[in-house]
Amino acid sequence: MRIFLVEDTRDVAEAIIEQFARIGHAVDWEADGEAAAATLGETAYDLVILDVMLPGRSGFAILRHLRSIGSTTPVLMLTARSEVDDRVSALDIGADDYLVKPFDFRELEARARALLRRRQGNATNLLACGDICIDQSARTVRVGQREVHLTRREVTLLEILASRPGRVFSKDDLLDQVFGYDEEAPSFNAVELYIGRLRKKLQGATAQIVTVRGFGYQLVPHGSS
């Protein structure tokens, strides 16, 4: 999952980034409203976490602009203002959820997962392809009854592939979703390395990661490639 965080309080932003990075998600951060609006006009994200009170342009203004250009990216609003009118206004102009500061990071994670489930059309935190099952809440993977021990980035990569079985993801797609802008730019070889490790760890599963030469990778049940 690639997240765009717009938050001008550094310690809050750093804590959120650390929390999501710990479970393998890439987070890009911007503190200024005008700069954030420009980034959202150029880059696609799986989720936007958007503070209301920002320098340059308010979170409400950014959200209005995002919806006016037809973006359906899920937006979770953050604010220290708990008035009902503020929450209603945010939801009415296109926010998908609203969280009042201070908040518990477990709730933030759970709300983020719920928004992503809704976007992917899933009713639970479980993703499955063949006998591969990913628990997005616990960040665990099983092949049949066997638990498979993966690194956080391996889980994230498998999660991306399993979110749309059969879809071909290019190396660019995977790099964008697994690594944030602020990290040292990895090479395409890094994707090949992670794919190779995943294939070894998933041996014996009834689904496989297939290389579509010249295009990328897809996760498909056996017999469907």
C-alpha atoms as a PDB file:
ATOM      1  CA  MET A   1       0.000   0.000   0.000  1.00  0.00           C
ATOM      2  CA  ARG A   2       1.300   3.441  -0.923  1.00  0.00           C
ATOM      3  CA  ILE A   3       0.097   6.199   1.395  1.00  0.00           C
ATOM      4  CA  PHE A   4       0.306   9.977   1.075  1.00  0.00           C
ATOM      5  CA  LEU A   5       0.366  11.701   4.459  1.00  0.00           C
ATOM      6  CA  VAL A   6      -0.374  15.435   4.643  1.00  0.00           C
ATOM      7  CA  GLU A   7       0.392  16.594   8.195  1.00  0.00           C
ATOM      8  CA  ASP A   8       2.247  19.699   9.345  1.00  0.00           C
ATOM      9  CA  THR A   9       3.042  18.545  12.894  1.00  0.00           C
ATOM     10  CA  ARG A  10       6.389  16.793  12.539  1.00  0.00           C
ATOM     11  CA  ASP A  11       6.214  14.483  15.552  1.00  0.00           C
ATOM     12  CA  VAL A  12       2.733  13.294  14.589  1.00  0.00           C
ATOM     13  CA  ALA A  13       3.829  12.739  10.986  1.00  0.00           C
ATOM     14  CA  GLU A  14       6.969  10.848  11.990  1.00  0.00           C
ATOM     15  CA  ALA A  15       4.982   8.591  14.320  1.00  0.00           C
ATOM     16  CA  ILE A  16       2.450   7.774  11.587  1.00  0.00           C
ATOM     17  CA  ILE A  17       5.199   7.090   9.046  1.00  0.00           C
ATOM     18  CA  GLU A  18       7.014   4.802  11.472  1.00  0.00           C
ATOM     19  CA  GLN A  19       3.809   2.922  12.295  1.00  0.00           C
ATOM     20  CA  PHE A  20       2.944   2.165   8.660  1.00  0.00           C
ATOM     21  CA  ALA A  21       6.551   1.536   7.602  1.00  0.00           C
ATOM     22  CA  ARG A  22       6.857  -1.015  10.400  1.00  0.00           C
ATOM     23  CA  ILE A  23       4.227  -3.175   8.708  1.00  0.00           C
ATOM     24  CA  GLY A  24       5.686  -2.698   5.237  1.00  0.00           C
ATOM     25  CA  HIS A  25       3.775   0.215   3.683  1.00  0.00           C
ATOM     26  CA  ALA A  26       5.431   3.058   1.769  1.00  0.00           C
ATOM     27  CA  VAL A  27       4.532   6.531   3.053  1.00  0.00           C
ATOM     28  CA  ASP A  28       5.237   9.846   1.314  1.00  0.00           C
ATOM     29  CA  TRP A  29       4.899  12.936   3.518  1.00  0.00           C
ATOM     30  CA  GLU A  30       4.141  16.575   2.821  1.00  0.00           C
ATOM     31  CA  ALA A  31       3.595  19.322   5.417  1.00  0.00           C
ATOM     32  CA  ASP A  32       2.394  22.148   3.157  1.00  0.00           C
ATOM     33  CA  GLY A  33      -1.093  22.220   1.663  1.00  0.00           C
ATOM     34  CA  GLU A  34      -0.138  23.787  -1.666  1.00  0.00           C
ATOM     35  CA  ALA A  35       2.720  21.329  -2.203  1.00  0.00           C
ATOM     36  CA  ALA A  36       0.434  18.443  -1.238  1.00  0.00           C
ATOM     37  CA  ALA A  37      -2.192  19.482  -3.778  1.00  0.00           C
ATOM     38  CA  ALA A  38       0.479  19.612  -6.491  1.00  0.00           C
ATOM     39  CA  THR A  39       1.741  16.134  -5.595  1.00  0.00           C
ATOM     40  CA  LEU A  40      -1.762  14.676  -5.646  1.00  0.00           C
ATOM     41  CA  GLY A  41      -2.220  16.100  -9.140  1.00  0.00           C
ATOM     42  CA  GLU A  42       0.773  14.114 -10.373  1.00  0.00           C
ATOM     43  CA  THR A  43       0.936  10.902  -8.325  1.00  0.00           C
ATOM     44  CA  ALA A  44      -1.576   8.129  -7.610  1.00  0.00           C
ATOM     45  CA  TYR A  45      -1.876   6.701  -4.098  1.00  0.00           C
ATOM     46  CA  ASP A  46      -3.820   3.901  -2.448  1.00  0.00           C
ATOM     47  CA  LEU A  47      -4.781   6.109   0.494  1.00  0.00           C
ATOM     48  CA  VAL A  48      -4.488   9.769   1.499  1.00  0.00           C
ATOM     49  CA  ILE A  49      -4.295  10.678   5.195  1.00  0.00           C
ATOM     50  CA  LEU A  50      -5.109  14.379   5.293  1.00  0.00           C
ATOM     51  CA  ASP A  51      -4.917  16.856   8.165  1.00  0.00           C
ATOM     52  CA  VAL A  52      -7.467  19.670   8.158  1.00  0.00           C
ATOM     53  CA  MET A  53      -5.380  22.581   9.429  1.00  0.00           C
ATOM     54  CA  LEU A  54      -2.433  23.095   7.078  1.00  0.00           C
ATOM     55  CA  PRO A  55      -0.263  25.986   5.887  1.00  0.00           C
ATOM     56  CA  GLY A  56      -0.831  27.068   2.296  1.00  0.00           C
ATOM     57  CA  ARG A  57      -4.122  25.291   1.695  1.00  0.00           C
ATOM     58  CA  SER A  58      -6.523  23.611   4.116  1.00  0.00           C
ATOM     59  CA  GLY A  59      -7.291  19.919   4.070  1.00  0.00           C
ATOM     60  CA  PHE A  60     -10.892  20.731   3.122  1.00  0.00           C
ATOM     61  CA  ALA A  61      -9.688  22.717   0.080  1.00  0.00           C
ATOM     62  CA  ILE A  62      -7.355  19.896  -0.980  1.00  0.00           C
ATOM     63  CA  LEU A  63     -10.180  17.378  -0.644  1.00  0.00           C
ATOM     64  CA  ARG A  64     -12.575  19.517  -2.698  1.00  0.00           C
ATOM     65  CA  HIS A  65      -9.957  19.830  -5.429  1.00  0.00           C
ATOM     66  CA  LEU A  66      -9.217  16.097  -5.379  1.00  0.00           C
ATOM     67  CA  ARG A  67     -12.881  15.197  -5.842  1.00  0.00           C
ATOM     68  CA  SER A  68     -13.424  17.939  -8.442  1.00  0.00           C
ATOM     69  CA  ILE A  69     -10.853  16.322 -10.740  1.00  0.00           C
ATOM     70  CA  GLY A  70     -12.578  12.948 -10.408  1.00  0.00           C
ATOM     71  CA  SER A  71     -10.180  11.225  -8.025  1.00  0.00           C
ATOM     72  CA  THR A  72     -11.723   8.326  -6.090  1.00  0.00           C
ATOM     73  CA  THR A  73      -8.677   7.727  -3.871  1.00  0.00           C
ATOM     74  CA  PRO A  74      -9.822   6.993  -0.289  1.00  0.00           C
ATOM     75  CA  VAL A  75      -9.224   9.963   2.029  1.00  0.00           C
ATOM     76  CA  LEU A  76      -8.991   9.714   5.800  1.00  0.00           C
ATOM     77  CA  MET A  77      -9.203  13.137   7.468  1.00  0.00           C
ATOM     78  CA  LEU A  78      -7.301  13.935  10.664  1.00  0.00           C
ATOM     79  CA  THR A  79      -8.123  16.892  12.888  1.00  0.00           C
ATOM     80  CA  ALA A  80      -7.988  18.160  16.442  1.00  0.00           C
ATOM     81  CA  ARG A  81     -11.462  19.658  15.956  1.00  0.00           C
ATOM     82  CA  SER A  82     -14.135  17.289  17.200  1.00  0.00           C
ATOM     83  CA  GLU A  83     -17.266  19.320  16.389  1.00  0.00           C
ATOM     84  CA  VAL A  84     -19.980  17.357  14.608  1.00  0.00           C
ATOM     85  CA  ASP A  85     -20.312  20.091  11.955  1.00  0.00           C
ATOM     86  CA  ASP A  86     -16.662  19.616  10.972  1.00  0.00           C
ATOM     87  CA  ARG A  87     -17.076  15.867  10.609  1.00  0.00           C
ATOM     88  CA  VAL A  88     -20.274  16.252   8.601  1.00  0.00           C
ATOM     89  CA  SER A  89     -18.647  18.847   6.317  1.00  0.00           C
ATOM     90  CA  ALA A  90     -15.653  16.593   5.656  1.00  0.00           C
ATOM     91  CA  LEU A  91     -17.831  13.600   4.806  1.00  0.00           C
ATOM     92  CA  ASP A  92     -20.165  15.684   2.635  1.00  0.00           C
ATOM     93  CA  ILE A  93     -17.354  17.021   0.450  1.00  0.00           C
ATOM     94  CA  GLY A  94     -15.898  13.573  -0.166  1.00  0.00           C
ATOM     95  CA  ALA A  95     -13.933  12.271   2.827  1.00  0.00           C
ATOM     96  CA  ASP A  96     -14.235   8.514   3.344  1.00  0.00           C
ATOM     97  CA  ASP A  97     -13.499   8.607   7.067  1.00  0.00           C
ATOM     98  CA  TYR A  98     -12.638  11.047   9.832  1.00  0.00           C
ATOM     99  CA  LEU A  99     -10.409  10.585  12.891  1.00  0.00           C
ATOM    100  CA  VAL A 100     -10.084  13.066  15.749  1.00  0.00           C
ATOM    101  CA  LYS A 101      -6.715  13.734  17.421  1.00  0.00           C
ATOM    102  CA  PRO A 102      -5.378  12.406  19.679  1.00  0.00           C
ATOM    103  CA  PHE A 103      -5.988   8.907  18.367  1.00  0.00           C
ATOM    104  CA  ASP A 104      -4.768   5.390  19.007  1.00  0.00           C
ATOM    105  CA  PHE A 105      -2.493   4.172  16.189  1.00  0.00           C
ATOM    106  CA  ARG A 106      -4.251   0.810  16.218  1.00  0.00           C
ATOM    107  CA  GLU A 107      -7.469   2.582  15.272  1.00  0.00           C
ATOM    108  CA  LEU A 108      -5.698   4.515  12.515  1.00  0.00           C
ATOM    109  CA  GLU A 109      -4.343   1.258  11.066  1.00  0.00           C
ATOM    110  CA  ALA A 110      -7.756  -0.419  11.308  1.00  0.00           C
ATOM    111  CA  ARG A 111      -9.509   2.469   9.574  1.00  0.00           C
ATOM    112  CA  ALA A 112      -6.878   2.483   6.823  1.00  0.00           C
ATOM    113  CA  ARG A 113      -7.362  -1.257   6.285  1.00  0.00           C
ATOM    114  CA  ALA A 114     -11.147  -0.805   6.143  1.00  0.00           C
ATOM    115  CA  LEU A 115     -10.856   1.887   3.466  1.00  0.00           C
ATOM    116  CA  LEU A 116      -8.560  -0.292   1.369  1.00  0.00           C
ATOM    117  CA  ARG A 117     -10.860  -3.294   1.754  1.00  0.00           C
ATOM    118  CA  ARG A 118     -13.772  -1.208   0.558  1.00  0.00           C
ATOM    119  CA  ARG A 119     -11.821  -0.018  -2.481  1.00  0.00           C
ATOM    120  CA  GLN A 120     -10.786  -3.574  -3.371  1.00  0.00           C
ATOM    121  CA  GLY A 121     -14.306  -4.913  -2.810  1.00  0.00           C
ATOM    122  CA  ASN A 122     -13.274  -7.135   0.111  1.00  0.00           C
ATOM    123  CA  ALA A 123     -15.451  -7.660   3.179  1.00  0.00           C
ATOM    124  CA  THR A 124     -12.705  -8.956   5.472  1.00  0.00           C
ATOM    125  CA  ASN A 125      -8.974  -8.536   6.128  1.00  0.00           C
ATOM    126  CA  LEU A 126      -8.239 -11.821   4.352  1.00  0.00           C
ATOM    127  CA  LEU A 127      -6.843 -11.984   0.815  1.00  0.00           C
ATOM    128  CA  ALA A 128      -6.673 -15.353  -0.892  1.00  0.00           C
ATOM    129  CA  CYS A 129      -5.464 -16.825  -4.163  1.00  0.00           C
ATOM    130  CA  GLY A 130      -5.405 -20.592  -4.472  1.00  0.00           C
ATOM    131  CA  ASP A 131      -4.440 -21.842  -1.020  1.00  0.00           C
ATOM    132  CA  ILE A 132      -2.370 -18.725  -0.259  1.00  0.00           C
ATOM    133  CA  CYS A 133      -4.100 -16.675   2.428  1.00  0.00           C
ATOM    134  CA  ILE A 134      -2.914 -13.266   3.675  1.00  0.00           C
ATOM    135  CA  ASP A 135      -4.232 -11.778   6.906  1.00  0.00           C
ATOM    136  CA  GLN A 136      -3.817  -8.047   6.326  1.00  0.00           C
ATOM    137  CA  SER A 137      -4.453  -7.228   9.974  1.00  0.00           C
ATOM    138  CA  ALA A 138      -1.989  -9.689  11.508  1.00  0.00           C
ATOM    139  CA  ARG A 139       0.393  -9.372   8.517  1.00  0.00           C
ATOM    140  CA  THR A 140       0.693 -13.157   8.327  1.00  0.00           C
ATOM    141  CA  VAL A 141       0.665 -15.554   5.375  1.00  0.00           C
ATOM    142  CA  ARG A 142      -0.393 -19.186   5.178  1.00  0.00           C
ATOM    143  CA  VAL A 143      -0.155 -21.760   2.410  1.00  0.00           C
ATOM    144  CA  GLY A 144      -2.878 -24.216   3.279  1.00  0.00           C
ATOM    145  CA  GLN A 145      -2.267 -25.010   6.954  1.00  0.00           C
ATOM    146  CA  ARG A 146       1.392 -23.985   6.812  1.00  0.00           C
ATOM    147  CA  GLU A 147       2.458 -20.575   8.074  1.00  0.00           C
ATOM    148  CA  VAL A 148       4.994 -18.891   5.804  1.00  0.00           C
ATOM    149  CA  HIS A 149       7.443 -16.483   7.410  1.00  0.00           C
ATOM    150  CA  LEU A 150       7.930 -13.421   5.225  1.00  0.00           C
ATOM    151  CA  THR A 151       9.638 -10.083   5.749  1.00  0.00           C
ATOM    152  CA  ARG A 152       7.409  -7.014   5.914  1.00  0.00           C
ATOM    153  CA  ARG A 153       8.293  -6.025   2.346  1.00  0.00           C
ATOM    154  CA  GLU A 154       7.664  -9.557   1.084  1.00  0.00           C
ATOM    155  CA  VAL A 155       4.218  -9.478   2.711  1.00  0.00           C
ATOM    156  CA  THR A 156       3.492  -6.117   1.095  1.00  0.00           C
ATOM    157  CA  LEU A 157       4.599  -7.323  -2.330  1.00  0.00           C
ATOM    158  CA  LEU A 158       2.485 -10.478  -2.062  1.00  0.00           C
ATOM    159  CA  GLU A 159      -0.443  -8.395  -0.812  1.00  0.00           C
ATOM    160  CA  ILE A 160      -0.248  -6.195  -3.910  1.00  0.00           C
ATOM    161  CA  LEU A 161      -0.231  -9.193  -6.252  1.00  0.00           C
ATOM    162  CA  ALA A 162      -3.025 -10.967  -4.350  1.00  0.00           C
ATOM    163  CA  SER A 163      -5.241  -7.882  -4.269  1.00  0.00           C
ATOM    164  CA  ARG A 164      -5.951  -8.416  -7.989  1.00  0.00           C
ATOM    165  CA  PRO A 165      -5.193 -12.028  -8.977  1.00  0.00           C
ATOM    166  CA  GLY A 166      -4.414 -12.296 -12.662  1.00  0.00           C
ATOM    167  CA  ARG A 167      -3.550  -8.618 -13.094  1.00  0.00           C
ATOM    168  CA  VAL A 168      -0.044  -7.984 -14.425  1.00  0.00           C
ATOM    169  CA  PHE A 169       1.946  -5.532 -12.302  1.00  0.00           C
ATOM    170  CA  SER A 170       4.970  -3.930 -13.921  1.00  0.00           C
ATOM    171  CA  LYS A 171       8.215  -3.482 -12.034  1.00  0.00           C
ATOM    172  CA  ASP A 172       7.464   0.248 -11.932  1.00  0.00           C
ATOM    173  CA  ASP A 173       4.079  -0.452 -10.303  1.00  0.00           C
ATOM    174  CA  LEU A 174       5.674  -2.640  -7.650  1.00  0.00           C
ATOM    175  CA  LEU A 175       8.546  -0.246  -6.933  1.00  0.00           C
ATOM    176  CA  ASP A 176       6.103   2.648  -6.530  1.00  0.00           C
ATOM    177  CA  GLN A 177       3.893   0.769  -4.079  1.00  0.00           C
ATOM    178  CA  VAL A 178       6.579  -0.907  -1.977  1.00  0.00           C
ATOM    179  CA  PHE A 179       9.083   1.953  -1.685  1.00  0.00           C
ATOM    180  CA  GLY A 180       8.436   5.600  -0.777  1.00  0.00           C
ATOM    181  CA  TYR A 181       9.939   8.686  -2.418  1.00  0.00           C
ATOM    182  CA  ASP A 182      12.175   9.425   0.555  1.00  0.00           C
ATOM    183  CA  GLU A 183      13.873   6.035   0.482  1.00  0.00           C
ATOM    184  CA  GLU A 184      16.978   5.328  -1.520  1.00  0.00           C
ATOM    185  CA  ALA A 185      15.763   4.487  -5.002  1.00  0.00           C
ATOM    186  CA  PRO A 186      15.930   0.711  -5.476  1.00  0.00           C
ATOM    187  CA  SER A 187      16.715  -0.874  -8.820  1.00  0.00           C
ATOM    188  CA  PHE A 188      14.525  -3.210 -10.842  1.00  0.00           C
ATOM    189  CA  ASN A 189      16.843  -5.958  -9.603  1.00  0.00           C
ATOM    190  CA  ALA A 190      15.371  -5.425  -6.122  1.00  0.00           C
ATOM    191  CA  VAL A 191      11.938  -6.450  -7.419  1.00  0.00           C
ATOM    192  CA  GLU A 192      13.410  -9.535  -9.077  1.00  0.00           C
ATOM    193  CA  LEU A 193      15.141 -10.413  -5.799  1.00  0.00           C
ATOM    194  CA  TYR A 194      11.933 -10.117  -3.770  1.00  0.00           C
ATOM    195  CA  ILE A 195       9.962 -12.089  -6.356  1.00  0.00           C
ATOM    196  CA  GLY A 196      12.584 -14.834  -6.288  1.00  0.00           C
ATOM    197  CA  ARG A 197      12.434 -15.056  -2.502  1.00  0.00           C
ATOM    198  CA  LEU A 198       8.640 -15.164  -2.524  1.00  0.00           C
ATOM    199  CA  ARG A 199       8.574 -17.970  -5.068  1.00  0.00           C
ATOM    200  CA  LYS A 200      10.882 -20.095  -2.910  1.00  0.00           C
ATOM    201  CA  LYS A 201       8.856 -19.489   0.244  1.00  0.00           C
ATOM    202  CA  LEU A 202       5.552 -20.193  -1.526  1.00  0.00           C
ATOM    203  CA  GLN A 203       6.678 -23.467  -3.098  1.00  0.00           C
ATOM    204  CA  GLY A 204       3.923 -26.065  -2.933  1.00  0.00           C
ATOM    205  CA  ALA A 205       1.115 -23.503  -3.057  1.00  0.00           C
ATOM    206  CA  THR A 206      -1.782 -23.905  -5.500  1.00  0.00           C
ATOM    207  CA  ALA A 207      -1.106 -20.404  -6.854  1.00  0.00           C
ATOM    208  CA  GLN A 208       2.078 -19.067  -8.372  1.00  0.00           C
ATOM    209  CA  ILE A 209       3.797 -15.823  -9.309  1.00  0.00           C
ATOM    210  CA  VAL A 210       4.126 -15.812 -13.088  1.00  0.00           C
ATOM    211  CA  THR A 211       6.529 -13.672 -15.090  1.00  0.00           C
ATOM    212  CA  VAL A 212       4.844 -12.083 -18.108  1.00  0.00           C
ATOM    213  CA  ARG A 213       7.906 -11.346 -20.176  1.00  0.00           C
ATOM    214  CA  GLY A 214       8.238  -7.700 -21.099  1.00  0.00           C
ATOM    215  CA  PHE A 215       5.328  -6.661 -18.861  1.00  0.00           C
ATOM    216  CA  GLY A 216       5.756  -7.759 -15.236  1.00  0.00           C
ATOM    217  CA  TYR A 217       4.350 -10.253 -12.750  1.00  0.00           C
ATOM    218  CA  GLN A 218       0.980 -11.713 -11.825  1.00  0.00           C
ATOM    219  CA  LEU A 219      -0.319 -14.070  -9.145  1.00  0.00           C
ATOM    220  CA  VAL A 220      -2.578 -16.793 -10.532  1.00  0.00           C
ATOM    221  CA  PRO A 221      -3.986 -20.150  -9.381  1.00  0.00           C
ATOM    222  CA  HIS A 222      -2.348 -23.155 -10.997  1.00  0.00           C
ATOM    223  CA  GLY A 223      -3.804 -23.838 -14.388  1.00  0.00           C
ATOM    224  CA  SER A 224      -4.796 -20.204 -14.987  1.00  0.00           C
ATOM    225  CA  SER A 225      -1.481 -18.819 -16.291  1.00  0.00           C
END
